[in-house]
Amino acid sequence: MIERQISRNNLQVLNMLNTRYIIQPAQPASQEGQPGQPEQAQRNPGALGNAWFVNEVQKVQNPDQEINALTNLNTATTAVVDVSKFPLNKTSYNAPGSTIALTKYEPDALTYRATATADAFVVFSEIYYADGWNAYLDGKKVPYVRANYVLRAMPLPAGTHTIEFKFEPTEYAIGNTVSLVSSVLLILALIGAIVYATRRKSTPEPSLV
């Protein structure tokens, strides 16, 4: 992504990554005596925010086609999806007036509130990572897809919904379970040792005749 799009100053890709500011390099003084300009950050008015609705999904068949499609893609209105990995039936959407906002942010949990005026397709400015991140629509676990080579996206039915992304890796859950069981066994062993020692101490030793 950096080599094939960002390094070539593809502003549409920067917009979909919700790049709020762009650093303008310093300008040296001109030979005509015009003063130079220091390096400065400028606001990017095209940043697409945390999530947005698109009107069209462009289908491709492999990752190379997906990243190449970004070269001339209007990321504000169109998303590109590798349908060989993420099959989609519908590619055209018309849901004017739909809204979505990030309402809660934590490192391992994101919550959005969305109102779709018709069936819609939403793109999230979050890196796609299926191994651990699960999506929930109104509390029900749902699948989601990779769009624009690196981002998350999903179809959304008409209506008002709560969308959640939670980081729930299987390895972490297994590790927690193993740790809990080990802790319980250790506590039981300590209790058993204390009880055994107490009983042994309270039992009188037989006297020698």
N, C-alpha and C. Protein backbone atom coordinates (compact mmCIF):
# COMPACT_ATOMS: atom_id res chain seq x y z
N MET A 1 0.83 -1.20 0.00
CA MET A 1 0.00 0.00 0.00
C MET A 1 0.87 1.27 0.00
N ILE A 2 1.91 1.25 0.82
CA ILE A 2 2.79 2.42 0.87
C ILE A 2 3.52 2.59 -0.46
N GLU A 3 4.07 1.49 -0.96
CA GLU A 3 4.88 1.58 -2.18
C GLU A 3 4.04 1.91 -3.40
N ARG A 4 2.86 1.31 -3.52
CA ARG A 4 2.10 1.41 -4.77
C ARG A 4 1.05 2.52 -4.77
N GLN A 5 0.73 3.06 -3.60
CA GLN A 5 -0.31 4.09 -3.56
C GLN A 5 0.11 5.32 -2.76
N ILE A 6 0.48 5.14 -1.50
CA ILE A 6 0.75 6.30 -0.64
C ILE A 6 1.99 7.05 -1.11
N SER A 7 3.06 6.32 -1.50
CA SER A 7 4.27 6.99 -1.94
C SER A 7 4.06 7.76 -3.25
N ARG A 8 2.97 7.45 -3.95
CA ARG A 8 2.65 8.15 -5.19
C ARG A 8 1.62 9.26 -4.97
N ASN A 9 1.44 9.61 -3.70
CA ASN A 9 0.57 10.72 -3.32
C ASN A 9 -0.87 10.53 -3.79
N ASN A 10 -1.37 9.30 -3.63
CA ASN A 10 -2.77 9.04 -3.95
C ASN A 10 -3.64 9.61 -2.83
N LEU A 11 -4.21 10.77 -3.06
CA LEU A 11 -4.98 11.45 -2.03
C LEU A 11 -6.23 10.67 -1.64
N GLN A 12 -6.81 9.93 -2.59
CA GLN A 12 -7.99 9.14 -2.28
C GLN A 12 -7.69 8.06 -1.23
N VAL A 13 -6.51 7.47 -1.31
CA VAL A 13 -6.11 6.47 -0.31
C VAL A 13 -5.88 7.14 1.04
N LEU A 14 -5.24 8.30 1.04
CA LEU A 14 -5.06 9.04 2.30
C LEU A 14 -6.41 9.41 2.90
N ASN A 15 -7.37 9.76 2.05
CA ASN A 15 -8.71 10.11 2.55
C ASN A 15 -9.38 8.91 3.22
N MET A 16 -9.28 7.74 2.60
CA MET A 16 -9.95 6.56 3.18
C MET A 16 -9.27 6.11 4.47
N LEU A 17 -7.99 6.46 4.64
CA LEU A 17 -7.29 6.17 5.89
C LEU A 17 -7.53 7.25 6.93
N ASN A 18 -8.44 8.16 6.61
CA ASN A 18 -8.84 9.23 7.52
C ASN A 18 -7.65 10.08 7.96
N THR A 19 -6.81 10.43 6.99
CA THR A 19 -5.64 11.27 7.26
C THR A 19 -6.11 12.70 7.47
N ARG A 20 -6.06 13.16 8.71
CA ARG A 20 -6.60 14.48 9.05
C ARG A 20 -5.68 15.62 8.61
N TYR A 21 -4.36 15.38 8.66
CA TYR A 21 -3.41 16.45 8.33
C TYR A 21 -2.36 15.92 7.37
N ILE A 22 -1.91 16.77 6.48
CA ILE A 22 -0.85 16.45 5.54
C ILE A 22 0.29 17.43 5.76
N ILE A 23 1.50 16.93 5.93
CA ILE A 23 2.65 17.78 6.18
C ILE A 23 3.22 18.28 4.86
N GLN A 24 3.24 19.57 4.69
CA GLN A 24 3.82 20.19 3.51
C GLN A 24 5.31 20.44 3.78
N PRO A 25 6.19 19.98 2.89
CA PRO A 25 7.64 20.17 3.13
C PRO A 25 8.03 21.64 3.10
N ALA A 26 9.13 21.93 3.72
CA ALA A 26 9.64 23.30 3.74
C ALA A 26 10.03 23.75 2.33
N GLN A 27 9.80 25.02 2.05
CA GLN A 27 10.13 25.59 0.75
C GLN A 27 11.31 26.55 0.92
N PRO A 28 12.39 26.34 0.17
CA PRO A 28 13.54 27.25 0.31
C PRO A 28 13.23 28.61 -0.31
N ALA A 29 14.02 29.57 0.07
CA ALA A 29 13.88 30.92 -0.51
C ALA A 29 14.20 30.86 -2.00
N SER A 30 13.47 31.65 -2.77
CA SER A 30 13.70 31.67 -4.22
C SER A 30 14.87 32.57 -4.58
N GLN A 31 15.37 32.40 -5.79
CA GLN A 31 16.47 33.24 -6.26
C GLN A 31 16.05 34.68 -6.44
N GLU A 32 14.75 34.89 -6.58
CA GLU A 32 14.25 36.26 -6.74
C GLU A 32 14.14 36.98 -5.41
N GLY A 33 14.50 36.31 -4.33
CA GLY A 33 14.46 36.97 -3.03
C GLY A 33 13.21 36.69 -2.22
N GLN A 34 12.30 35.84 -2.76
CA GLN A 34 11.11 35.50 -1.99
C GLN A 34 11.50 34.63 -0.80
N PRO A 35 10.96 34.92 0.38
CA PRO A 35 11.34 34.14 1.57
C PRO A 35 10.82 32.70 1.48
N GLY A 36 11.55 31.79 2.11
CA GLY A 36 11.12 30.40 2.15
C GLY A 36 10.00 30.18 3.14
N GLN A 37 9.42 28.99 3.10
CA GLN A 37 8.34 28.64 4.00
C GLN A 37 8.75 27.43 4.84
N PRO A 38 8.49 27.46 6.15
CA PRO A 38 8.85 26.30 6.99
C PRO A 38 7.90 25.13 6.73
N GLU A 39 8.33 23.96 7.15
CA GLU A 39 7.46 22.79 7.09
C GLU A 39 6.21 23.04 7.92
N GLN A 40 5.05 22.68 7.39
CA GLN A 40 3.82 22.93 8.12
C GLN A 40 2.77 21.87 7.83
N ALA A 41 1.89 21.66 8.80
CA ALA A 41 0.80 20.69 8.66
C ALA A 41 -0.45 21.42 8.19
N GLN A 42 -1.08 20.87 7.18
CA GLN A 42 -2.31 21.45 6.65
C GLN A 42 -3.46 20.47 6.82
N ARG A 43 -4.61 21.00 7.17
CA ARG A 43 -5.80 20.18 7.34
C ARG A 43 -6.21 19.57 6.00
N ASN A 44 -6.54 18.28 6.03
CA ASN A 44 -7.02 17.60 4.83
C ASN A 44 -8.54 17.58 4.82
N PRO A 45 -9.19 18.41 4.01
CA PRO A 45 -10.66 18.48 4.04
C PRO A 45 -11.33 17.25 3.45
N GLY A 46 -10.56 16.39 2.76
CA GLY A 46 -11.16 15.22 2.13
C GLY A 46 -11.17 13.98 2.99
N ALA A 47 -10.61 14.04 4.21
CA ALA A 47 -10.60 12.87 5.09
C ALA A 47 -12.02 12.35 5.29
N LEU A 48 -12.20 11.05 5.15
CA LEU A 48 -13.55 10.48 5.11
C LEU A 48 -14.12 10.12 6.49
N GLY A 49 -13.35 10.31 7.54
CA GLY A 49 -13.89 10.05 8.87
C GLY A 49 -13.72 8.60 9.28
N ASN A 50 -14.37 8.23 10.36
CA ASN A 50 -14.24 6.89 10.91
C ASN A 50 -14.99 5.84 10.10
N ALA A 51 -16.07 6.24 9.44
CA ALA A 51 -16.86 5.31 8.62
C ALA A 51 -17.73 6.12 7.67
N TRP A 52 -18.10 5.51 6.54
CA TRP A 52 -18.92 6.22 5.56
C TRP A 52 -19.64 5.21 4.66
N PHE A 53 -20.71 5.67 4.03
CA PHE A 53 -21.48 4.84 3.11
C PHE A 53 -21.01 5.07 1.68
N VAL A 54 -20.99 4.02 0.88
CA VAL A 54 -20.64 4.14 -0.54
C VAL A 54 -21.84 3.74 -1.39
N ASN A 55 -21.82 4.20 -2.64
CA ASN A 55 -22.93 3.91 -3.55
C ASN A 55 -22.69 2.66 -4.40
N GLU A 56 -21.43 2.27 -4.51
CA GLU A 56 -21.11 1.18 -5.43
C GLU A 56 -19.98 0.33 -4.87
N VAL A 57 -20.04 -0.97 -5.15
CA VAL A 57 -18.95 -1.89 -4.82
C VAL A 57 -18.39 -2.42 -6.13
N GLN A 58 -17.11 -2.20 -6.34
CA GLN A 58 -16.44 -2.69 -7.54
C GLN A 58 -15.83 -4.05 -7.24
N LYS A 59 -16.21 -5.07 -8.02
CA LYS A 59 -15.73 -6.43 -7.80
C LYS A 59 -14.41 -6.66 -8.52
N VAL A 60 -13.47 -7.32 -7.83
CA VAL A 60 -12.23 -7.79 -8.44
C VAL A 60 -12.02 -9.23 -8.02
N GLN A 61 -11.01 -9.88 -8.63
CA GLN A 61 -10.85 -11.32 -8.44
C GLN A 61 -9.60 -11.72 -7.66
N ASN A 62 -8.73 -10.77 -7.33
CA ASN A 62 -7.54 -11.11 -6.56
C ASN A 62 -6.97 -9.85 -5.93
N PRO A 63 -6.03 -10.01 -4.98
CA PRO A 63 -5.48 -8.84 -4.29
C PRO A 63 -4.76 -7.85 -5.20
N ASP A 64 -4.07 -8.35 -6.26
CA ASP A 64 -3.38 -7.44 -7.17
C ASP A 64 -4.37 -6.51 -7.87
N GLN A 65 -5.48 -7.06 -8.33
CA GLN A 65 -6.50 -6.23 -8.95
C GLN A 65 -7.09 -5.25 -7.94
N GLU A 66 -7.19 -5.69 -6.70
CA GLU A 66 -7.78 -4.85 -5.65
C GLU A 66 -6.94 -3.61 -5.38
N ILE A 67 -5.62 -3.82 -5.23
CA ILE A 67 -4.77 -2.66 -4.93
C ILE A 67 -4.59 -1.79 -6.17
N ASN A 68 -4.59 -2.39 -7.36
CA ASN A 68 -4.50 -1.60 -8.59
C ASN A 68 -5.73 -0.73 -8.79
N ALA A 69 -6.89 -1.24 -8.38
CA ALA A 69 -8.13 -0.50 -8.56
C ALA A 69 -8.13 0.79 -7.76
N LEU A 70 -7.33 0.85 -6.70
CA LEU A 70 -7.28 2.05 -5.87
C LEU A 70 -6.67 3.24 -6.60
N THR A 71 -5.94 2.98 -7.67
CA THR A 71 -5.25 4.06 -8.38
C THR A 71 -6.22 5.12 -8.88
N ASN A 72 -7.36 4.68 -9.38
CA ASN A 72 -8.34 5.63 -9.94
C ASN A 72 -9.69 5.54 -9.23
N LEU A 73 -9.69 5.11 -7.98
CA LEU A 73 -10.94 4.90 -7.25
C LEU A 73 -11.34 6.15 -6.48
N ASN A 74 -12.61 6.52 -6.57
CA ASN A 74 -13.16 7.56 -5.71
C ASN A 74 -13.62 6.87 -4.43
N THR A 75 -12.78 6.89 -3.41
CA THR A 75 -13.07 6.11 -2.21
C THR A 75 -14.25 6.64 -1.41
N ALA A 76 -14.69 7.86 -1.69
CA ALA A 76 -15.85 8.41 -0.99
C ALA A 76 -17.15 7.79 -1.47
N THR A 77 -17.18 7.30 -2.70
CA THR A 77 -18.43 6.80 -3.28
C THR A 77 -18.37 5.33 -3.68
N THR A 78 -17.15 4.78 -3.81
CA THR A 78 -16.99 3.42 -4.31
C THR A 78 -16.01 2.65 -3.44
N ALA A 79 -16.31 1.38 -3.22
CA ALA A 79 -15.39 0.48 -2.54
C ALA A 79 -15.04 -0.66 -3.48
N VAL A 80 -13.84 -1.20 -3.34
CA VAL A 80 -13.43 -2.33 -4.15
C VAL A 80 -13.25 -3.55 -3.25
N VAL A 81 -13.80 -4.70 -3.68
CA VAL A 81 -13.79 -5.91 -2.86
C VAL A 81 -13.33 -7.09 -3.71
N ASP A 82 -12.45 -7.90 -3.16
CA ASP A 82 -11.99 -9.13 -3.80
C ASP A 82 -13.06 -10.21 -3.55
N VAL A 83 -13.94 -10.42 -4.53
CA VAL A 83 -15.07 -11.33 -4.34
C VAL A 83 -14.65 -12.79 -4.40
N SER A 84 -13.40 -13.09 -4.78
CA SER A 84 -12.94 -14.47 -4.71
C SER A 84 -12.80 -14.92 -3.26
N LYS A 85 -12.61 -13.96 -2.35
CA LYS A 85 -12.50 -14.24 -0.92
C LYS A 85 -13.73 -13.79 -0.14
N PHE A 86 -14.40 -12.75 -0.65
CA PHE A 86 -15.56 -12.19 0.05
C PHE A 86 -16.71 -12.04 -0.95
N PRO A 87 -17.46 -13.11 -1.20
CA PRO A 87 -18.54 -13.04 -2.20
C PRO A 87 -19.61 -12.02 -1.80
N LEU A 88 -20.06 -11.25 -2.78
CA LEU A 88 -21.13 -10.27 -2.58
C LEU A 88 -22.13 -10.40 -3.71
N ASN A 89 -23.40 -10.30 -3.37
CA ASN A 89 -24.44 -10.37 -4.40
C ASN A 89 -24.78 -8.99 -4.94
N LYS A 90 -24.88 -8.03 -4.04
CA LYS A 90 -25.30 -6.69 -4.44
C LYS A 90 -24.11 -5.76 -4.57
N THR A 91 -24.10 -4.94 -5.61
CA THR A 91 -22.98 -4.01 -5.82
C THR A 91 -23.41 -2.56 -5.94
N SER A 92 -24.71 -2.30 -6.05
CA SER A 92 -25.18 -0.92 -6.20
C SER A 92 -26.10 -0.58 -5.02
N TYR A 93 -25.86 0.59 -4.42
CA TYR A 93 -26.62 1.01 -3.24
C TYR A 93 -27.05 2.46 -3.40
N ASN A 94 -28.23 2.74 -2.88
CA ASN A 94 -28.76 4.10 -2.92
C ASN A 94 -29.49 4.36 -1.61
N ALA A 95 -28.79 4.96 -0.68
CA ALA A 95 -29.36 5.23 0.65
C ALA A 95 -29.04 6.66 1.05
N PRO A 96 -29.62 7.66 0.36
CA PRO A 96 -29.32 9.07 0.67
C PRO A 96 -29.78 9.43 2.08
N GLY A 97 -29.00 10.26 2.72
CA GLY A 97 -29.35 10.70 4.06
C GLY A 97 -28.94 9.75 5.16
N SER A 98 -28.28 8.64 4.82
CA SER A 98 -27.83 7.70 5.85
C SER A 98 -26.69 8.31 6.66
N THR A 99 -26.61 7.94 7.92
CA THR A 99 -25.59 8.50 8.81
C THR A 99 -24.94 7.40 9.63
N ILE A 100 -23.69 7.61 9.99
CA ILE A 100 -22.99 6.68 10.87
C ILE A 100 -21.96 7.47 11.67
N ALA A 101 -21.79 7.09 12.94
CA ALA A 101 -20.84 7.81 13.80
C ALA A 101 -20.23 6.82 14.78
N LEU A 102 -18.95 7.03 15.07
CA LEU A 102 -18.27 6.26 16.11
C LEU A 102 -18.66 6.83 17.46
N THR A 103 -19.32 6.02 18.29
CA THR A 103 -19.83 6.51 19.57
C THR A 103 -18.99 6.07 20.77
N LYS A 104 -18.17 5.05 20.58
CA LYS A 104 -17.34 4.58 21.69
C LYS A 104 -16.07 3.97 21.12
N TYR A 105 -14.94 4.35 21.70
CA TYR A 105 -13.66 3.81 21.22
C TYR A 105 -12.84 3.29 22.38
N GLU A 106 -12.40 2.04 22.25
CA GLU A 106 -11.43 1.44 23.15
C GLU A 106 -10.45 0.65 22.29
N PRO A 107 -9.25 0.39 22.79
CA PRO A 107 -8.28 -0.34 21.97
C PRO A 107 -8.78 -1.67 21.45
N ASP A 108 -9.66 -2.34 22.19
CA ASP A 108 -10.15 -3.66 21.78
C ASP A 108 -11.65 -3.69 21.52
N ALA A 109 -12.28 -2.53 21.39
CA ALA A 109 -13.73 -2.49 21.13
C ALA A 109 -14.12 -1.15 20.53
N LEU A 110 -14.88 -1.21 19.43
CA LEU A 110 -15.37 -0.01 18.75
C LEU A 110 -16.89 -0.13 18.61
N THR A 111 -17.59 0.97 18.84
CA THR A 111 -19.04 0.97 18.72
C THR A 111 -19.48 2.10 17.80
N TYR A 112 -20.36 1.78 16.85
CA TYR A 112 -20.89 2.76 15.91
C TYR A 112 -22.41 2.78 16.00
N ARG A 113 -22.98 3.93 15.74
CA ARG A 113 -24.43 4.08 15.65
C ARG A 113 -24.75 4.50 14.22
N ALA A 114 -25.55 3.70 13.52
CA ALA A 114 -25.83 3.95 12.11
C ALA A 114 -27.32 3.98 11.85
N THR A 115 -27.72 4.85 10.95
CA THR A 115 -29.09 4.88 10.45
C THR A 115 -29.03 4.86 8.94
N ALA A 116 -29.51 3.76 8.36
CA ALA A 116 -29.51 3.60 6.91
C ALA A 116 -30.93 3.78 6.38
N THR A 117 -31.11 4.68 5.42
CA THR A 117 -32.44 4.93 4.86
C THR A 117 -32.88 3.83 3.92
N ALA A 118 -31.94 2.99 3.49
CA ALA A 118 -32.23 1.82 2.66
C ALA A 118 -31.06 0.86 2.86
N ASP A 119 -31.14 -0.32 2.27
CA ASP A 119 -30.00 -1.24 2.36
C ASP A 119 -28.75 -0.52 1.88
N ALA A 120 -27.66 -0.65 2.63
CA ALA A 120 -26.48 0.17 2.36
C ALA A 120 -25.21 -0.66 2.52
N PHE A 121 -24.10 -0.03 2.16
CA PHE A 121 -22.79 -0.66 2.31
C PHE A 121 -21.88 0.36 2.97
N VAL A 122 -21.31 -0.02 4.11
CA VAL A 122 -20.52 0.91 4.89
C VAL A 122 -19.06 0.45 4.95
N VAL A 123 -18.15 1.42 4.84
CA VAL A 123 -16.72 1.17 4.94
C VAL A 123 -16.20 1.81 6.22
N PHE A 124 -15.34 1.10 6.93
CA PHE A 124 -14.78 1.59 8.19
C PHE A 124 -13.29 1.88 7.99
N SER A 125 -12.84 3.01 8.48
CA SER A 125 -11.43 3.36 8.38
C SER A 125 -10.66 2.66 9.49
N GLU A 126 -10.72 1.34 9.46
CA GLU A 126 -10.02 0.47 10.41
C GLU A 126 -9.40 -0.66 9.62
N ILE A 127 -8.21 -1.07 10.00
CA ILE A 127 -7.50 -2.10 9.27
C ILE A 127 -8.20 -3.45 9.45
N TYR A 128 -8.39 -4.14 8.33
CA TYR A 128 -9.02 -5.46 8.36
C TYR A 128 -8.08 -6.47 9.01
N TYR A 129 -8.60 -7.17 10.01
CA TYR A 129 -7.82 -8.21 10.70
C TYR A 129 -8.80 -9.22 11.24
N ALA A 130 -9.00 -10.29 10.46
CA ALA A 130 -10.06 -11.25 10.80
C ALA A 130 -9.69 -12.14 11.98
N ASP A 131 -8.38 -12.34 12.22
CA ASP A 131 -7.95 -13.26 13.28
C ASP A 131 -8.05 -12.59 14.65
N GLY A 132 -9.25 -12.45 15.12
CA GLY A 132 -9.45 -11.88 16.45
C GLY A 132 -10.54 -10.83 16.52
N TRP A 133 -10.71 -10.03 15.45
CA TRP A 133 -11.75 -9.01 15.45
C TRP A 133 -13.07 -9.59 14.95
N ASN A 134 -14.09 -9.52 15.78
CA ASN A 134 -15.44 -9.97 15.42
C ASN A 134 -16.38 -8.78 15.31
N ALA A 135 -17.35 -8.89 14.41
CA ALA A 135 -18.33 -7.81 14.21
C ALA A 135 -19.69 -8.26 14.74
N TYR A 136 -20.40 -7.31 15.34
CA TYR A 136 -21.74 -7.57 15.88
C TYR A 136 -22.70 -6.49 15.39
N LEU A 137 -23.84 -6.92 14.90
CA LEU A 137 -24.89 -6.02 14.46
C LEU A 137 -26.08 -6.17 15.41
N ASP A 138 -26.34 -5.13 16.18
CA ASP A 138 -27.42 -5.18 17.19
C ASP A 138 -27.25 -6.38 18.11
N GLY A 139 -26.00 -6.65 18.49
CA GLY A 139 -25.71 -7.72 19.44
C GLY A 139 -25.53 -9.10 18.83
N LYS A 140 -25.77 -9.24 17.54
CA LYS A 140 -25.64 -10.53 16.87
C LYS A 140 -24.38 -10.56 16.03
N LYS A 141 -23.59 -11.62 16.20
CA LYS A 141 -22.34 -11.73 15.45
C LYS A 141 -22.63 -11.88 13.96
N VAL A 142 -21.95 -11.07 13.14
CA VAL A 142 -22.17 -11.08 11.70
C VAL A 142 -20.83 -11.09 10.98
N PRO A 143 -20.78 -11.57 9.73
CA PRO A 143 -19.53 -11.51 8.96
C PRO A 143 -19.28 -10.10 8.44
N TYR A 144 -18.05 -9.83 8.12
CA TYR A 144 -17.71 -8.57 7.45
C TYR A 144 -16.63 -8.87 6.42
N VAL A 145 -16.34 -7.91 5.57
CA VAL A 145 -15.44 -8.16 4.45
C VAL A 145 -14.27 -7.19 4.48
N ARG A 146 -13.28 -7.49 3.65
CA ARG A 146 -12.17 -6.56 3.44
C ARG A 146 -12.47 -5.73 2.20
N ALA A 147 -12.30 -4.44 2.33
CA ALA A 147 -12.53 -3.52 1.20
C ALA A 147 -11.31 -2.64 1.02
N ASN A 148 -11.09 -2.19 -0.22
CA ASN A 148 -10.00 -1.26 -0.52
C ASN A 148 -8.65 -1.80 -0.04
N TYR A 149 -8.50 -3.12 -0.10
CA TYR A 149 -7.25 -3.83 0.18
C TYR A 149 -6.92 -3.94 1.66
N VAL A 150 -7.27 -2.95 2.48
CA VAL A 150 -6.83 -2.97 3.88
C VAL A 150 -7.94 -2.67 4.90
N LEU A 151 -9.12 -2.24 4.46
CA LEU A 151 -10.12 -1.75 5.41
C LEU A 151 -11.25 -2.77 5.64
N ARG A 152 -12.05 -2.50 6.67
CA ARG A 152 -13.21 -3.32 6.98
C ARG A 152 -14.45 -2.72 6.32
N ALA A 153 -15.41 -3.58 6.00
CA ALA A 153 -16.66 -3.10 5.41
C ALA A 153 -17.74 -4.16 5.63
N MET A 154 -18.99 -3.75 5.48
CA MET A 154 -20.09 -4.70 5.59
C MET A 154 -21.36 -4.14 4.98
N PRO A 155 -22.21 -5.01 4.44
CA PRO A 155 -23.55 -4.58 4.05
C PRO A 155 -24.36 -4.27 5.30
N LEU A 156 -25.26 -3.31 5.19
CA LEU A 156 -26.07 -2.91 6.34
C LEU A 156 -27.52 -2.79 5.93
N PRO A 157 -28.44 -3.49 6.59
CA PRO A 157 -29.85 -3.37 6.24
C PRO A 157 -30.41 -2.02 6.65
N ALA A 158 -31.51 -1.64 6.02
CA ALA A 158 -32.16 -0.38 6.35
C ALA A 158 -32.57 -0.35 7.81
N GLY A 159 -32.51 0.83 8.41
CA GLY A 159 -32.92 0.98 9.80
C GLY A 159 -31.81 1.56 10.65
N THR A 160 -32.08 1.68 11.93
CA THR A 160 -31.10 2.19 12.90
C THR A 160 -30.46 1.02 13.62
N HIS A 161 -29.14 1.01 13.66
CA HIS A 161 -28.42 -0.15 14.18
C HIS A 161 -27.23 0.28 15.04
N THR A 162 -26.83 -0.64 15.91
CA THR A 162 -25.59 -0.52 16.65
C THR A 162 -24.61 -1.55 16.08
N ILE A 163 -23.46 -1.07 15.67
CA ILE A 163 -22.42 -1.94 15.11
C ILE A 163 -21.25 -1.95 16.08
N GLU A 164 -20.77 -3.14 16.40
CA GLU A 164 -19.64 -3.27 17.31
C GLU A 164 -18.56 -4.14 16.68
N PHE A 165 -17.31 -3.73 16.88
CA PHE A 165 -16.16 -4.57 16.57
C PHE A 165 -15.45 -4.86 17.88
N LYS A 166 -15.23 -6.16 18.17
CA LYS A 166 -14.58 -6.55 19.41
C LYS A 166 -13.39 -7.45 19.10
N PHE A 167 -12.30 -7.20 19.80
CA PHE A 167 -11.11 -8.03 19.64
C PHE A 167 -11.22 -9.21 20.58
N GLU A 168 -11.49 -10.39 20.01
CA GLU A 168 -11.74 -11.60 20.80
C GLU A 168 -10.94 -12.77 20.23
N PRO A 169 -9.61 -12.72 20.27
CA PRO A 169 -8.81 -13.80 19.69
C PRO A 169 -9.00 -15.10 20.45
N THR A 170 -9.08 -16.19 19.71
CA THR A 170 -9.29 -17.51 20.33
C THR A 170 -8.15 -17.85 21.27
N GLU A 171 -6.92 -17.55 20.85
CA GLU A 171 -5.76 -17.88 21.67
C GLU A 171 -5.83 -17.17 23.02
N TYR A 172 -6.33 -15.93 23.01
CA TYR A 172 -6.43 -15.17 24.26
C TYR A 172 -7.44 -15.81 25.19
N ALA A 173 -8.59 -16.23 24.62
CA ALA A 173 -9.62 -16.87 25.44
C ALA A 173 -9.12 -18.18 26.03
N ILE A 174 -8.41 -18.97 25.19
CA ILE A 174 -7.87 -20.24 25.69
C ILE A 174 -6.85 -19.99 26.78
N GLY A 175 -5.99 -18.99 26.57
CA GLY A 175 -4.98 -18.65 27.57
C GLY A 175 -5.60 -18.24 28.89
N ASN A 176 -6.67 -17.44 28.82
CA ASN A 176 -7.36 -17.03 30.04
C ASN A 176 -7.95 -18.23 30.77
N THR A 177 -8.54 -19.16 30.00
CA THR A 177 -9.14 -20.35 30.61
C THR A 177 -8.09 -21.21 31.29
N VAL A 178 -6.96 -21.41 30.59
CA VAL A 178 -5.88 -22.21 31.17
C VAL A 178 -5.34 -21.54 32.44
N SER A 179 -5.18 -20.22 32.39
CA SER A 179 -4.69 -19.49 33.56
C SER A 179 -5.66 -19.61 34.73
N LEU A 180 -6.96 -19.51 34.43
CA LEU A 180 -7.97 -19.61 35.48
C LEU A 180 -7.96 -21.00 36.11
N VAL A 181 -7.93 -22.05 35.28
CA VAL A 181 -7.91 -23.41 35.80
C VAL A 181 -6.66 -23.65 36.63
N SER A 182 -5.51 -23.17 36.14
CA SER A 182 -4.26 -23.35 36.87
C SER A 182 -4.32 -22.64 38.22
N SER A 183 -4.88 -21.44 38.23
CA SER A 183 -4.99 -20.68 39.48
C SER A 183 -5.89 -21.40 40.48
N VAL A 184 -7.02 -21.93 39.98
CA VAL A 184 -7.96 -22.64 40.86
C VAL A 184 -7.29 -23.88 41.45
N LEU A 185 -6.57 -24.64 40.60
CA LEU A 185 -5.89 -25.85 41.09
C LEU A 185 -4.82 -25.49 42.11
N LEU A 186 -4.10 -24.39 41.87
CA LEU A 186 -3.08 -23.98 42.82
C LEU A 186 -3.69 -23.59 44.16
N ILE A 187 -4.80 -22.85 44.12
CA ILE A 187 -5.48 -22.45 45.36
C ILE A 187 -5.98 -23.67 46.11
N LEU A 188 -6.57 -24.63 45.38
CA LEU A 188 -7.07 -25.86 46.02
C LEU A 188 -5.93 -26.64 46.66
N ALA A 189 -4.78 -26.68 45.95
CA ALA A 189 -3.63 -27.39 46.51
C ALA A 189 -3.13 -26.73 47.78
N LEU A 190 -3.11 -25.39 47.79
CA LEU A 190 -2.67 -24.67 48.99
C LEU A 190 -3.64 -24.90 50.15
N ILE A 191 -4.94 -24.86 49.84
CA ILE A 191 -5.94 -25.10 50.89
C ILE A 191 -5.77 -26.50 51.45
N GLY A 192 -5.58 -27.48 50.54
CA GLY A 192 -5.41 -28.86 50.99
C GLY A 192 -4.19 -29.02 51.87
N ALA A 193 -3.10 -28.33 51.49
CA ALA A 193 -1.88 -28.42 52.29
C ALA A 193 -2.08 -27.81 53.67
N ILE A 194 -2.80 -26.67 53.72
CA ILE A 194 -3.06 -26.03 55.02
C ILE A 194 -3.93 -26.90 55.90
N VAL A 195 -5.00 -27.48 55.31
CA VAL A 195 -5.89 -28.36 56.09
C VAL A 195 -5.13 -29.56 56.62
N TYR A 196 -4.31 -30.15 55.76
CA TYR A 196 -3.53 -31.34 56.18
C TYR A 196 -2.59 -30.99 57.31
N ALA A 197 -1.91 -29.83 57.19
CA ALA A 197 -0.97 -29.43 58.23
C ALA A 197 -1.69 -29.14 59.54
N THR A 198 -2.87 -28.52 59.46
CA THR A 198 -3.63 -28.18 60.67
C THR A 198 -4.10 -29.44 61.38
N ARG A 199 -4.62 -30.40 60.63
CA ARG A 199 -5.11 -31.65 61.24
C ARG A 199 -3.97 -32.44 61.87
N ARG A 200 -2.84 -32.44 61.17
CA ARG A 200 -1.70 -33.19 61.70
C ARG A 200 -1.20 -32.58 63.00
N LYS A 201 -1.26 -31.22 63.06
CA LYS A 201 -0.78 -30.54 64.26
C LYS A 201 -1.71 -30.74 65.44
N SER A 202 -3.05 -30.85 65.15
CA SER A 202 -4.03 -31.00 66.24
C SER A 202 -4.17 -32.42 66.71
N THR A 203 -3.63 -33.41 65.98
CA THR A 203 -3.74 -34.80 66.38
C THR A 203 -2.65 -35.13 67.38
N PRO A 204 -3.00 -35.58 68.63
CA PRO A 204 -1.97 -35.89 69.63
C PRO A 204 -1.10 -37.07 69.19
N GLU A 205 0.19 -36.95 69.49
CA GLU A 205 1.10 -38.03 69.16
C GLU A 205 0.95 -39.15 70.20
N PRO A 206 1.04 -40.40 69.76
CA PRO A 206 0.92 -41.51 70.71
C PRO A 206 2.11 -41.51 71.71
N SER A 207 1.77 -41.80 73.00
CA SER A 207 2.81 -41.80 74.03
C SER A 207 3.53 -43.16 74.05
N LEU A 208 4.76 -43.14 74.46
CA LEU A 208 5.55 -44.37 74.54
C LEU A 208 5.45 -44.94 75.96
N VAL A 209 5.17 -46.19 76.08
CA VAL A 209 5.07 -46.84 77.39
C VAL A 209 6.40 -47.48 77.71
